PDB file of N, CA and C in Angstrom:
ATOM      1  N   MET A   1     -42.995  27.029  17.680  1.00  0.00           N
ATOM      2  CA  MET A   1     -42.082  26.393  16.741  1.00  0.00           C
ATOM      3  C   MET A   1     -41.049  25.589  17.530  1.00  0.00           C
ATOM      4  N   LEU A   2     -40.796  24.396  17.090  1.00  0.00           N
ATOM      5  CA  LEU A   2     -39.803  23.549  17.741  1.00  0.00           C
ATOM      6  C   LEU A   2     -38.407  23.942  17.303  1.00  0.00           C
ATOM      7  N   SER A   3     -37.488  23.939  18.214  1.00  0.00           N
ATOM      8  CA  SER A   3     -36.096  24.218  17.852  1.00  0.00           C
ATOM      9  C   SER A   3     -35.333  22.905  17.762  1.00  0.00           C
ATOM     10  N   PRO A   4     -34.343  22.824  16.883  1.00  0.00           N
ATOM     11  CA  PRO A   4     -33.592  21.583  16.747  1.00  0.00           C
ATOM     12  C   PRO A   4     -32.799  21.288  18.014  1.00  0.00           C
ATOM     13  N   GLY A   5     -32.602  20.014  18.291  1.00  0.00           N
ATOM     14  CA  GLY A   5     -31.834  19.611  19.456  1.00  0.00           C
ATOM     15  C   GLY A   5     -30.371  19.975  19.304  1.00  0.00           C
ATOM     16  N   GLN A   6     -29.712  20.134  20.410  1.00  0.00           N
ATOM     17  CA  GLN A   6     -28.300  20.465  20.381  1.00  0.00           C
ATOM     18  C   GLN A   6     -27.505  19.240  20.803  1.00  0.00           C
ATOM     19  N   ALA A   7     -26.477  18.932  20.058  1.00  0.00           N
ATOM     20  CA  ALA A   7     -25.630  17.783  20.360  1.00  0.00           C
ATOM     21  C   ALA A   7     -24.223  18.063  19.864  1.00  0.00           C
ATOM     22  N   ALA A   8     -23.270  17.341  20.414  1.00  0.00           N
ATOM     23  CA  ALA A   8     -21.884  17.502  19.997  1.00  0.00           C
ATOM     24  C   ALA A   8     -21.695  17.025  18.560  1.00  0.00           C
ATOM     25  N   ARG A   9     -22.455  16.015  18.184  1.00  0.00           N
ATOM     26  CA  ARG A   9     -22.360  15.473  16.827  1.00  0.00           C
ATOM     27  C   ARG A   9     -23.758  15.173  16.301  1.00  0.00           C
ATOM     28  N   THR A  10     -23.880  15.176  15.009  1.00  0.00           N
ATOM     29  CA  THR A  10     -25.145  14.850  14.366  1.00  0.00           C
ATOM     30  C   THR A  10     -24.967  13.597  13.538  1.00  0.00           C
ATOM     31  N   LEU A  11     -25.919  12.696  13.622  1.00  0.00           N
ATOM     32  CA  LEU A  11     -25.888  11.458  12.854  1.00  0.00           C
ATOM     33  C   LEU A  11     -26.807  11.598  11.653  1.00  0.00           C
ATOM     34  N   PHE A  12     -26.267  11.367  10.477  1.00  0.00           N
ATOM     35  CA  PHE A  12     -27.056  11.360   9.257  1.00  0.00           C
ATOM     36  C   PHE A  12     -27.111   9.937   8.730  1.00  0.00           C
ATOM     37  N   ALA A  13     -28.314   9.448   8.475  1.00  0.00           N
ATOM     38  CA  ALA A  13     -28.489   8.072   8.009  1.00  0.00           C
ATOM     39  C   ALA A  13     -28.689   8.001   6.498  1.00  0.00           C
ATOM     40  N   HIS A  14     -28.396   9.077   5.777  1.00  0.00           N
ATOM     41  CA  HIS A  14     -28.621   9.102   4.330  1.00  0.00           C
ATOM     42  C   HIS A  14     -27.852   7.994   3.615  1.00  0.00           C
ATOM     43  N   ALA A  15     -26.656   7.689   4.075  1.00  0.00           N
ATOM     44  CA  ALA A  15     -25.863   6.637   3.431  1.00  0.00           C
ATOM     45  C   ALA A  15     -26.410   5.250   3.749  1.00  0.00           C
ATOM     46  N   LEU A  16     -27.235   5.151   4.760  1.00  0.00           N
ATOM     47  CA  LEU A  16     -27.826   3.877   5.160  1.00  0.00           C
ATOM     48  C   LEU A  16     -29.223   3.744   4.571  1.00  0.00           C
ATOM     49  N   ALA A  17     -29.356   4.064   3.317  1.00  0.00           N
ATOM     50  CA  ALA A  17     -30.667   4.066   2.676  1.00  0.00           C
ATOM     51  C   ALA A  17     -30.754   2.997   1.610  1.00  0.00           C
ATOM     52  N   GLY A  18     -31.979   2.619   1.320  1.00  0.00           N
ATOM     53  CA  GLY A  18     -32.241   1.678   0.237  1.00  0.00           C
ATOM     54  C   GLY A  18     -32.846   0.381   0.739  1.00  0.00           C
ATOM     55  N   ILE A  19     -33.617  -0.222  -0.130  1.00  0.00           N
ATOM     56  CA  ILE A  19     -34.235  -1.520   0.163  1.00  0.00           C
ATOM     57  C   ILE A  19     -33.277  -2.594  -0.332  1.00  0.00           C
ATOM     58  N   SER A  20     -32.823  -3.433   0.577  1.00  0.00           N
ATOM     59  CA  SER A  20     -31.859  -4.481   0.195  1.00  0.00           C
ATOM     60  C   SER A  20     -32.529  -5.824  -0.048  1.00  0.00           C
ATOM     61  N   LEU A  21     -33.729  -6.019   0.468  1.00  0.00           N
ATOM     62  CA  LEU A  21     -34.462  -7.267   0.261  1.00  0.00           C
ATOM     63  C   LEU A  21     -35.945  -6.968   0.329  1.00  0.00           C
ATOM     64  N   TYR A  22     -36.679  -7.473  -0.634  1.00  0.00           N
ATOM     65  CA  TYR A  22     -38.137  -7.393  -0.574  1.00  0.00           C
ATOM     66  C   TYR A  22     -38.679  -8.677  -1.160  1.00  0.00           C
ATOM     67  N   ALA A  23     -39.336  -9.467  -0.315  1.00  0.00           N
ATOM     68  CA  ALA A  23     -39.941 -10.729  -0.723  1.00  0.00           C
ATOM     69  C   ALA A  23     -41.449 -10.606  -0.496  1.00  0.00           C
ATOM     70  N   PRO A  24     -42.197 -10.137  -1.494  1.00  0.00           N
ATOM     71  CA  PRO A  24     -43.632  -9.888  -1.313  1.00  0.00           C
ATOM     72  C   PRO A  24     -44.421 -11.117  -0.859  1.00  0.00           C
ATOM     73  N   ALA A  25     -44.082 -12.284  -1.359  1.00  0.00           N
ATOM     74  CA  ALA A  25     -44.820 -13.495  -0.991  1.00  0.00           C
ATOM     75  C   ALA A  25     -44.639 -13.836   0.485  1.00  0.00           C
ATOM     76  N   GLU A  26     -43.477 -13.513   1.038  1.00  0.00           N
ATOM     77  CA  GLU A  26     -43.206 -13.783   2.448  1.00  0.00           C
ATOM     78  C   GLU A  26     -43.529 -12.586   3.343  1.00  0.00           C
ATOM     79  N   LEU A  27     -43.917 -11.461   2.741  1.00  0.00           N
ATOM     80  CA  LEU A  27     -44.227 -10.217   3.455  1.00  0.00           C
ATOM     81  C   LEU A  27     -43.039  -9.737   4.285  1.00  0.00           C
ATOM     82  N   ILE A  28     -41.848  -9.800   3.682  1.00  0.00           N
ATOM     83  CA  ILE A  28     -40.612  -9.379   4.352  1.00  0.00           C
ATOM     84  C   ILE A  28     -39.942  -8.285   3.535  1.00  0.00           C
ATOM     85  N   LEU A  29     -39.474  -7.244   4.212  1.00  0.00           N
ATOM     86  CA  LEU A  29     -38.746  -6.157   3.575  1.00  0.00           C
ATOM     87  C   LEU A  29     -37.591  -5.773   4.487  1.00  0.00           C
ATOM     88  N   THR A  30     -36.404  -5.626   3.909  1.00  0.00           N
ATOM     89  CA  THR A  30     -35.229  -5.183   4.650  1.00  0.00           C
ATOM     90  C   THR A  30     -34.767  -3.873   4.037  1.00  0.00           C
ATOM     91  N   ALA A  31     -34.585  -2.862   4.892  1.00  0.00           N
ATOM     92  CA  ALA A  31     -34.183  -1.541   4.407  1.00  0.00           C
ATOM     93  C   ALA A  31     -33.273  -0.873   5.425  1.00  0.00           C
ATOM     94  N   GLY A  32     -32.414   0.008   4.938  1.00  0.00           N
ATOM     95  CA  GLY A  32     -31.540   0.786   5.804  1.00  0.00           C
ATOM     96  C   GLY A  32     -32.334   1.844   6.554  1.00  0.00           C
ATOM     97  N   ALA A  33     -31.810   2.290   7.677  1.00  0.00           N
ATOM     98  CA  ALA A  33     -32.504   3.255   8.534  1.00  0.00           C
ATOM     99  C   ALA A  33     -32.836   4.559   7.823  1.00  0.00           C
ATOM    100  N   GLY A  34     -32.039   4.959   6.843  1.00  0.00           N
ATOM    101  CA  GLY A  34     -32.266   6.212   6.138  1.00  0.00           C
ATOM    102  C   GLY A  34     -33.190   6.095   4.946  1.00  0.00           C
ATOM    103  N   THR A  35     -33.791   4.941   4.733  1.00  0.00           N
ATOM    104  CA  THR A  35     -34.699   4.752   3.603  1.00  0.00           C
ATOM    105  C   THR A  35     -35.980   5.536   3.842  1.00  0.00           C
ATOM    106  N   LYS A  36     -36.358   6.333   2.867  1.00  0.00           N
ATOM    107  CA  LYS A  36     -37.553   7.162   2.996  1.00  0.00           C
ATOM    108  C   LYS A  36     -38.807   6.292   2.991  1.00  0.00           C
ATOM    109  N   MET A  37     -39.742   6.659   3.840  1.00  0.00           N
ATOM    110  CA  MET A  37     -40.999   5.912   3.928  1.00  0.00           C
ATOM    111  C   MET A  37     -41.738   5.930   2.591  1.00  0.00           C
ATOM    112  N   ALA A  38     -41.618   7.010   1.840  1.00  0.00           N
ATOM    113  CA  ALA A  38     -42.275   7.085   0.532  1.00  0.00           C
ATOM    114  C   ALA A  38     -41.726   6.020  -0.417  1.00  0.00           C
ATOM    115  N   GLU A  39     -40.420   5.770  -0.355  1.00  0.00           N
ATOM    116  CA  GLU A  39     -39.813   4.736  -1.200  1.00  0.00           C
ATOM    117  C   GLU A  39     -40.344   3.358  -0.825  1.00  0.00           C
ATOM    118  N   ILE A  40     -40.456   3.097   0.465  1.00  0.00           N
ATOM    119  CA  ILE A  40     -40.962   1.800   0.925  1.00  0.00           C
ATOM    120  C   ILE A  40     -42.432   1.651   0.540  1.00  0.00           C
ATOM    121  N   ALA A  41     -43.222   2.695   0.764  1.00  0.00           N
ATOM    122  CA  ALA A  41     -44.646   2.653   0.420  1.00  0.00           C
ATOM    123  C   ALA A  41     -44.849   2.397  -1.073  1.00  0.00           C
ATOM    124  N   ALA A  42     -44.035   3.026  -1.908  1.00  0.00           N
ATOM    125  CA  ALA A  42     -44.146   2.824  -3.362  1.00  0.00           C
ATOM    126  C   ALA A  42     -43.763   1.398  -3.751  1.00  0.00           C
ATOM    127  N   ALA A  43     -42.723   0.862  -3.132  1.00  0.00           N
ATOM    128  CA  ALA A  43     -42.276  -0.502  -3.454  1.00  0.00           C
ATOM    129  C   ALA A  43     -43.335  -1.534  -3.096  1.00  0.00           C
ATOM    130  N   VAL A  44     -43.940  -1.403  -1.927  1.00  0.00           N
ATOM    131  CA  VAL A  44     -44.944  -2.390  -1.530  1.00  0.00           C
ATOM    132  C   VAL A  44     -46.259  -2.187  -2.278  1.00  0.00           C
ATOM    133  N   ALA A  45     -46.592  -0.930  -2.601  1.00  0.00           N
ATOM    134  CA  ALA A  45     -47.820  -0.657  -3.358  1.00  0.00           C
ATOM    135  C   ALA A  45     -47.752  -1.262  -4.754  1.00  0.00           C
ATOM    136  N   ALA A  46     -46.559  -1.304  -5.324  1.00  0.00           N
ATOM    137  CA  ALA A  46     -46.385  -1.896  -6.654  1.00  0.00           C
ATOM    138  C   ALA A  46     -46.741  -3.383  -6.653  1.00  0.00           C
ATOM    139  N   LYS A  47     -46.726  -4.009  -5.502  1.00  0.00           N
ATOM    140  CA  LYS A  47     -47.077  -5.434  -5.372  1.00  0.00           C
ATOM    141  C   LYS A  47     -48.438  -5.613  -4.698  1.00  0.00           C
ATOM    142  N   GLY A  48     -49.235  -4.528  -4.617  1.00  0.00           N
ATOM    143  CA  GLY A  48     -50.574  -4.610  -4.038  1.00  0.00           C
ATOM    144  C   GLY A  48     -50.565  -4.750  -2.523  1.00  0.00           C
ATOM    145  N   GLN A  49     -49.523  -4.246  -1.869  1.00  0.00           N
ATOM    146  CA  GLN A  49     -49.408  -4.337  -0.421  1.00  0.00           C
ATOM    147  C   GLN A  49     -49.303  -2.940   0.180  1.00  0.00           C
ATOM    148  N   HIS A  50     -49.340  -2.857   1.502  1.00  0.00           N
ATOM    149  CA  HIS A  50     -49.203  -1.573   2.181  1.00  0.00           C
ATOM    150  C   HIS A  50     -48.485  -1.771   3.507  1.00  0.00           C
ATOM    151  N   ILE A  51     -48.060  -0.676   4.116  1.00  0.00           N
ATOM    152  CA  ILE A  51     -47.400  -0.721   5.418  1.00  0.00           C
ATOM    153  C   ILE A  51     -48.498  -0.739   6.470  1.00  0.00           C
ATOM    154  N   ILE A  52     -48.635  -1.848   7.157  1.00  0.00           N
ATOM    155  CA  ILE A  52     -49.788  -2.067   8.030  1.00  0.00           C
ATOM    156  C   ILE A  52     -49.855  -1.109   9.213  1.00  0.00           C
ATOM    157  N   SER A  53     -48.712  -0.630   9.712  1.00  0.00           N
ATOM    158  CA  SER A  53     -48.748   0.251  10.879  1.00  0.00           C
ATOM    159  C   SER A  53     -49.104   1.696  10.525  1.00  0.00           C
ATOM    160  N   GLU A  54     -49.159   2.031   9.252  1.00  0.00           N
ATOM    161  CA  GLU A  54     -49.540   3.360   8.772  1.00  0.00           C
ATOM    162  C   GLU A  54     -48.859   4.499   9.529  1.00  0.00           C
ATOM    163  N   PRO A  55     -47.525   4.566   9.530  1.00  0.00           N
ATOM    164  CA  PRO A  55     -46.872   5.645  10.271  1.00  0.00           C
ATOM    165  C   PRO A  55     -47.212   7.011   9.678  1.00  0.00           C
ATOM    166  N   PRO A  56     -47.620   7.969  10.518  1.00  0.00           N
ATOM    167  CA  PRO A  56     -47.973   9.299  10.023  1.00  0.00           C
ATOM    168  C   PRO A  56     -46.736  10.088   9.612  1.00  0.00           C
ATOM    169  N   ASP A  57     -46.929  11.042   8.733  1.00  0.00           N
ATOM    170  CA  ASP A  57     -45.858  11.938   8.305  1.00  0.00           C
ATOM    171  C   ASP A  57     -46.161  13.317   8.875  1.00  0.00           C
ATOM    172  N   PHE A  58     -45.347  13.753   9.836  1.00  0.00           N
ATOM    173  CA  PHE A  58     -45.576  15.022  10.516  1.00  0.00           C
ATOM    174  C   PHE A  58     -44.830  16.193   9.886  1.00  0.00           C
ATOM    175  N   ALA A  59     -44.209  16.008   8.725  1.00  0.00           N
ATOM    176  CA  ALA A  59     -43.390  17.061   8.118  1.00  0.00           C
ATOM    177  C   ALA A  59     -44.181  18.355   7.907  1.00  0.00           C
ATOM    178  N   ALA A  60     -45.351  18.265   7.313  1.00  0.00           N
ATOM    179  CA  ALA A  60     -46.144  19.473   7.043  1.00  0.00           C
ATOM    180  C   ALA A  60     -46.590  20.141   8.344  1.00  0.00           C
ATOM    181  N   LEU A  61     -46.962  19.349   9.321  1.00  0.00           N
ATOM    182  CA  LEU A  61     -47.404  19.884  10.606  1.00  0.00           C
ATOM    183  C   LEU A  61     -46.283  20.648  11.311  1.00  0.00           C
ATOM    184  N   LEU A  62     -45.060  20.156  11.170  1.00  0.00           N
ATOM    185  CA  LEU A  62     -43.912  20.780  11.824  1.00  0.00           C
ATOM    186  C   LEU A  62     -43.215  21.812  10.945  1.00  0.00           C
ATOM    187  N   GLY A  63     -43.754  22.041   9.747  1.00  0.00           N
ATOM    188  CA  GLY A  63     -43.167  23.029   8.851  1.00  0.00           C
ATOM    189  C   GLY A  63     -41.838  22.594   8.278  1.00  0.00           C
ATOM    190  N   SER A  64     -41.707  21.330   7.990  1.00  0.00           N
ATOM    191  CA  SER A  64     -40.453  20.779   7.464  1.00  0.00           C
ATOM    192  C   SER A  64     -40.687  20.178   6.088  1.00  0.00           C
ATOM    193  N   ASP A  65     -39.645  20.173   5.279  1.00  0.00           N
ATOM    194  CA  ASP A  65     -39.742  19.489   3.991  1.00  0.00           C
ATOM    195  C   ASP A  65     -38.927  18.196   4.006  1.00  0.00           C
ATOM    196  N   ALA A  66     -38.432  17.807   5.172  1.00  0.00           N
ATOM    197  CA  ALA A  66     -37.648  16.579   5.301  1.00  0.00           C
ATOM    198  C   ALA A  66     -38.567  15.360   5.193  1.00  0.00           C
ATOM    199  N   ALA A  67     -38.121  14.365   4.465  1.00  0.00           N
ATOM    200  CA  ALA A  67     -38.896  13.143   4.294  1.00  0.00           C
ATOM    201  C   ALA A  67     -38.688  12.215   5.483  1.00  0.00           C
ATOM    202  N   SER A  68     -39.758  11.568   5.920  1.00  0.00           N
ATOM    203  CA  SER A  68     -39.636  10.633   7.030  1.00  0.00           C
ATOM    204  C   SER A  68     -38.933   9.361   6.558  1.00  0.00           C
ATOM    205  N   THR A  69     -38.238   8.707   7.487  1.00  0.00           N
ATOM    206  CA  THR A  69     -37.482   7.501   7.169  1.00  0.00           C
ATOM    207  C   THR A  69     -37.969   6.333   8.011  1.00  0.00           C
ATOM    208  N   ILE A  70     -37.650   5.128   7.569  1.00  0.00           N
ATOM    209  CA  ILE A  70     -38.032   3.928   8.311  1.00  0.00           C
ATOM    210  C   ILE A  70     -37.327   3.897   9.668  1.00  0.00           C
ATOM    211  N   GLY A  71     -36.102   4.360   9.728  1.00  0.00           N
ATOM    212  CA  GLY A  71     -35.383   4.393  11.002  1.00  0.00           C
ATOM    213  C   GLY A  71     -36.066   5.296  12.010  1.00  0.00           C
ATOM    214  N   GLY A  72     -36.518   6.460  11.557  1.00  0.00           N
ATOM    215  CA  GLY A  72     -37.229   7.384  12.437  1.00  0.00           C
ATOM    216  C   GLY A  72     -38.567   6.830  12.873  1.00  0.00           C
ATOM    217  N   ALA A  73     -39.275   6.183  11.947  1.00  0.00           N
ATOM    218  CA  ALA A  73     -40.582   5.616  12.277  1.00  0.00           C
ATOM    219  C   ALA A  73     -40.458   4.496  13.309  1.00  0.00           C
ATOM    220  N   VAL A  74     -39.436   3.658  13.163  1.00  0.00           N
ATOM    221  CA  VAL A  74     -39.225   2.575  14.128  1.00  0.00           C
ATOM    222  C   VAL A  74     -38.757   3.141  15.463  1.00  0.00           C
ATOM    223  N   ALA A  75     -37.817   4.087  15.427  1.00  0.00           N
ATOM    224  CA  ALA A  75     -37.298   4.671  16.664  1.00  0.00           C
ATOM    225  C   ALA A  75     -38.395   5.342  17.477  1.00  0.00           C
ATOM    226  N   ALA A  76     -39.302   6.045  16.797  1.00  0.00           N
ATOM    227  CA  ALA A  76     -40.385   6.748  17.486  1.00  0.00           C
ATOM    228  C   ALA A  76     -41.639   5.892  17.632  1.00  0.00           C
ATOM    229  N   ASN A  77     -41.614   4.679  17.086  1.00  0.00           N
ATOM    230  CA  ASN A  77     -42.756   3.753  17.117  1.00  0.00           C
ATOM    231  C   ASN A  77     -44.013   4.417  16.549  1.00  0.00           C
ATOM    232  N   LEU A  78     -43.834   5.163  15.450  1.00  0.00           N
ATOM    233  CA  LEU A  78     -44.951   5.877  14.834  1.00  0.00           C
ATOM    234  C   LEU A  78     -45.938   4.901  14.221  1.00  0.00           C
ATOM    235  N   SER A  79     -47.201   5.080  14.561  1.00  0.00           N
ATOM    236  CA  SER A  79     -48.249   4.205  14.063  1.00  0.00           C
ATOM    237  C   SER A  79     -49.518   5.006  13.858  1.00  0.00           C
ATOM    238  N   GLY A  80     -50.325   4.558  12.929  1.00  0.00           N
ATOM    239  CA  GLY A  80     -51.567   5.243  12.614  1.00  0.00           C
ATOM    240  C   GLY A  80     -52.764   4.623  13.303  1.00  0.00           C
ATOM    241  N   PRO A  81     -53.960   4.869  12.774  1.00  0.00           N
ATOM    242  CA  PRO A  81     -55.186   4.421  13.425  1.00  0.00           C
ATOM    243  C   PRO A  81     -55.361   2.899  13.503  1.00  0.00           C
ATOM    244  N   ARG A  82     -54.684   2.152  12.673  1.00  0.00           N
ATOM    245  CA  ARG A  82     -54.800   0.688  12.737  1.00  0.00           C
ATOM    246  C   ARG A  82     -54.027   0.079  13.904  1.00  0.00           C
ATOM    247  N   ARG A  83     -53.324   0.902  14.655  1.00  0.00           N
ATOM    248  CA  ARG A  83     -52.520   0.414  15.784  1.00  0.00           C
ATOM    249  C   ARG A  83     -53.354  -0.430  16.740  1.00  0.00           C
ATOM    250  N   VAL A  84     -54.575   0.003  17.007  1.00  0.00           N
ATOM    251  CA  VAL A  84     -55.430  -0.692  17.960  1.00  0.00           C
ATOM    252  C   VAL A  84     -55.706  -2.129  17.504  1.00  0.00           C
ATOM    253  N   ALA A  85     -55.978  -2.309  16.229  1.00  0.00           N
ATOM    254  CA  ALA A  85     -56.330  -3.635  15.718  1.00  0.00           C
ATOM    255  C   ALA A  85     -55.120  -4.448  15.260  1.00  0.00           C
ATOM    256  N   TRP A  86     -54.116  -3.793  14.661  1.00  0.00           N
ATOM    257  CA  TRP A  86     -53.039  -4.533  14.012  1.00  0.00           C
ATOM    258  C   TRP A  86     -51.669  -4.349  14.655  1.00  0.00           C
ATOM    259  N   GLY A  87     -51.544  -3.470  15.628  1.00  0.00           N
ATOM    260  CA  GLY A  87     -50.276  -3.294  16.324  1.00  0.00           C
ATOM    261  C   GLY A  87     -49.506  -2.073  15.859  1.00  0.00           C
ATOM    262  N   ALA A  88     -48.537  -1.696  16.673  1.00  0.00           N
ATOM    263  CA  ALA A  88     -47.700  -0.534  16.409  1.00  0.00           C
ATOM    264  C   ALA A  88     -46.537  -0.900  15.486  1.00  0.00           C
ATOM    265  N   MET A  89     -45.798   0.094  15.055  1.00  0.00           N
ATOM    266  CA  MET A  89     -44.674  -0.100  14.145  1.00  0.00           C
ATOM    267  C   MET A  89     -43.705  -1.169  14.656  1.00  0.00           C
ATOM    268  N   ARG A  90     -43.258  -1.049  15.888  1.00  0.00           N
ATOM    269  CA  ARG A  90     -42.255  -1.987  16.405  1.00  0.00           C
ATOM    270  C   ARG A  90     -42.779  -3.407  16.552  1.00  0.00           C
ATOM    271  N   ASP A  91     -44.094  -3.580  16.593  1.00  0.00           N
ATOM    272  CA  ASP A  91     -44.666  -4.927  16.665  1.00  0.00           C
ATOM    273  C   ASP A  91     -44.404  -5.716  15.391  1.00  0.00           C
ATOM    274  N   HIS A  92     -44.065  -5.011  14.314  1.00  0.00           N
ATOM    275  CA  HIS A  92     -43.896  -5.652  13.015  1.00  0.00           C
ATOM    276  C   HIS A  92     -42.443  -5.730  12.562  1.00  0.00           C
ATOM    277  N   VAL A  93     -41.533  -5.319  13.413  1.00  0.00           N
ATOM    278  CA  VAL A  93     -40.112  -5.359  13.071  1.00  0.00           C
ATOM    279  C   VAL A  93     -39.562  -6.730  13.447  1.00  0.00           C
ATOM    280  N   MET A  94     -38.985  -7.418  12.462  1.00  0.00           N
ATOM    281  CA  MET A  94     -38.476  -8.773  12.689  1.00  0.00           C
ATOM    282  C   MET A  94     -37.085  -8.778  13.313  1.00  0.00           C
ATOM    283  N   GLY A  95     -36.313  -7.747  13.114  1.00  0.00           N
ATOM    284  CA  GLY A  95     -34.968  -7.701  13.679  1.00  0.00           C
ATOM    285  C   GLY A  95     -34.288  -6.407  13.310  1.00  0.00           C
ATOM    286  N   GLY A  96     -33.165  -6.165  13.940  1.00  0.00           N
ATOM    287  CA  GLY A  96     -32.444  -4.941  13.646  1.00  0.00           C
ATOM    288  C   GLY A  96     -30.986  -5.045  14.041  1.00  0.00           C
ATOM    289  N   ARG A  97     -30.185  -4.192  13.424  1.00  0.00           N
ATOM    290  CA  ARG A  97     -28.773  -4.067  13.776  1.00  0.00           C
ATOM    291  C   ARG A  97     -28.509  -2.600  14.020  1.00  0.00           C
ATOM    292  N   ALA A  98     -27.764  -2.312  15.085  1.00  0.00           N
ATOM    293  CA  ALA A  98     -27.493  -0.919  15.440  1.00  0.00           C
ATOM    294  C   ALA A  98     -26.179  -0.835  16.200  1.00  0.00           C
ATOM    295  N   VAL A  99     -25.756   0.386  16.459  1.00  0.00           N
ATOM    296  CA  VAL A  99     -24.587   0.644  17.293  1.00  0.00           C
ATOM    297  C   VAL A  99     -25.085   1.514  18.438  1.00  0.00           C
ATOM    298  N   HIS A 100     -24.855   1.079  19.682  1.00  0.00           N
ATOM    299  CA  HIS A 100     -25.346   1.872  20.811  1.00  0.00           C
ATOM    300  C   HIS A 100     -24.341   2.938  21.230  1.00  0.00           C
ATOM    301  N   GLY A 101     -24.656   3.662  22.273  1.00  0.00           N
ATOM    302  CA  GLY A 101     -23.925   4.853  22.684  1.00  0.00           C
ATOM    303  C   GLY A 101     -22.435   4.708  22.903  1.00  0.00           C
ATOM    304  N   ILE A 102     -21.958   3.527  23.277  1.00  0.00           N
ATOM    305  CA  ILE A 102     -20.518   3.371  23.489  1.00  0.00           C
ATOM    306  C   ILE A 102     -19.827   2.690  22.314  1.00  0.00           C
ATOM    307  N   GLY A 103     -20.544   2.582  21.202  1.00  0.00           N
ATOM    308  CA  GLY A 103     -19.935   2.119  19.964  1.00  0.00           C
ATOM    309  C   GLY A 103     -19.948   0.626  19.707  1.00  0.00           C
ATOM    310  N   GLU A 104     -20.665  -0.142  20.501  1.00  0.00           N
ATOM    311  CA  GLU A 104     -20.738  -1.582  20.285  1.00  0.00           C
ATOM    312  C   GLU A 104     -21.934  -1.922  19.404  1.00  0.00           C
ATOM    313  N   ALA A 105     -21.728  -2.871  18.486  1.00  0.00           N
ATOM    314  CA  ALA A 105     -22.808  -3.310  17.609  1.00  0.00           C
ATOM    315  C   ALA A 105     -23.754  -4.214  18.383  1.00  0.00           C
ATOM    316  N   ILE A 106     -25.038  -4.013  18.162  1.00  0.00           N
ATOM    317  CA  ILE A 106     -26.043  -4.873  18.778  1.00  0.00           C
ATOM    318  C   ILE A 106     -26.961  -5.425  17.694  1.00  0.00           C
ATOM    319  N   HIS A 107     -27.511  -6.586  17.941  1.00  0.00           N
ATOM    320  CA  HIS A 107     -28.431  -7.237  17.015  1.00  0.00           C
ATOM    321  C   HIS A 107     -29.661  -7.661  17.799  1.00  0.00           C
ATOM    322  N   SER A 108     -30.805  -7.554  17.183  1.00  0.00           N
ATOM    323  CA  SER A 108     -32.028  -8.009  17.842  1.00  0.00           C
ATOM    324  C   SER A 108     -32.851  -8.811  16.856  1.00  0.00           C
ATOM    325  N   LYS A 109     -33.607  -9.734  17.397  1.00  0.00           N
ATOM    326  CA  LYS A 109     -34.526 -10.526  16.580  1.00  0.00           C
ATOM    327  C   LYS A 109     -35.855 -10.569  17.291  1.00  0.00           C
ATOM    328  N   ASN A 110     -36.910 -10.559  16.514  1.00  0.00           N
ATOM    329  CA  ASN A 110     -38.258 -10.596  17.050  1.00  0.00           C
ATOM    330  C   ASN A 110     -39.047 -11.586  16.221  1.00  0.00           C
ATOM    331  N   VAL A 111     -39.662 -12.531  16.854  1.00  0.00           N
ATOM    332  CA  VAL A 111     -40.522 -13.471  16.141  1.00  0.00           C
ATOM    333  C   VAL A 111     -41.924 -12.897  16.243  1.00  0.00           C
ATOM    334  N   SER A 112     -42.309 -12.170  15.213  1.00  0.00           N
ATOM    335  CA  SER A 112     -43.553 -11.415  15.246  1.00  0.00           C
ATOM    336  C   SER A 112     -44.219 -11.473  13.880  1.00  0.00           C
ATOM    337  N   VAL A 113     -45.296 -10.759  13.739  1.00  0.00           N
ATOM    338  CA  VAL A 113     -45.948 -10.634  12.429  1.00  0.00           C
ATOM    339  C   VAL A 113     -45.110  -9.749  11.538  1.00  0.00           C
ATOM    340  N   ASN A 114     -45.380  -9.743  10.274  1.00  0.00           N
ATOM    341  CA  ASN A 114     -44.586  -8.981   9.310  1.00  0.00           C
ATOM    342  C   ASN A 114     -45.066  -7.548   9.156  1.00  0.00           C
ATOM    343  N   GLN A 115     -44.172  -6.675   8.706  1.00  0.00           N
ATOM    344  CA  GLN A 115     -44.459  -5.260   8.538  1.00  0.00           C
ATOM    345  C   GLN A 115     -45.361  -4.974   7.349  1.00  0.00           C
ATOM    346  N   VAL A 116     -45.290  -5.776   6.332  1.00  0.00           N
ATOM    347  CA  VAL A 116     -46.043  -5.512   5.109  1.00  0.00           C
ATOM    348  C   VAL A 116     -47.236  -6.457   5.055  1.00  0.00           C
ATOM    349  N   ALA A 117     -48.385  -5.949   4.733  1.00  0.00           N
ATOM    350  CA  ALA A 117     -49.576  -6.784   4.681  1.00  0.00           C
ATOM    351  C   ALA A 117     -50.250  -6.648   3.322  1.00  0.00           C
ATOM    352  N   ALA A 118     -50.874  -7.710   2.884  1.00  0.00           N
ATOM    353  CA  ALA A 118     -51.586  -7.684   1.602  1.00  0.00           C
ATOM    354  C   ALA A 118     -52.834  -6.822   1.740  1.00  0.00           C
ATOM    355  N   LEU A 119     -53.186  -6.132   0.666  1.00  0.00           N
ATOM    356  CA  LEU A 119     -54.403  -5.308   0.685  1.00  0.00           C
ATOM    357  C   LEU A 119     -55.640  -6.163   0.701  1.00  0.00           C
TER     358      LEU A 119
END
């Protein structure tokens, strides 16, 4: 059984949740780090699309009932069997905003393929 990590502080991304932009025709989705993968999967499925990197959900394997989030999937670069043909999770991230260890905001941009693909 895995034990939780020990740290002076714990970061919760629950307040950073929700889809703020979804443009199905452009295959672009913007979501907060705490957005549950199930919410994203449902939103894109409603438009006949799917998450191309197929990030696995290890909750049952690890004995957890916690829902996986887009922030966790990107941070861990979680990808499923299509990784070989279509790329890993981070290959499909167009950009991001974060705060690093000393509290400075950072921004990144990637000119890459999109995260959401048509079925």
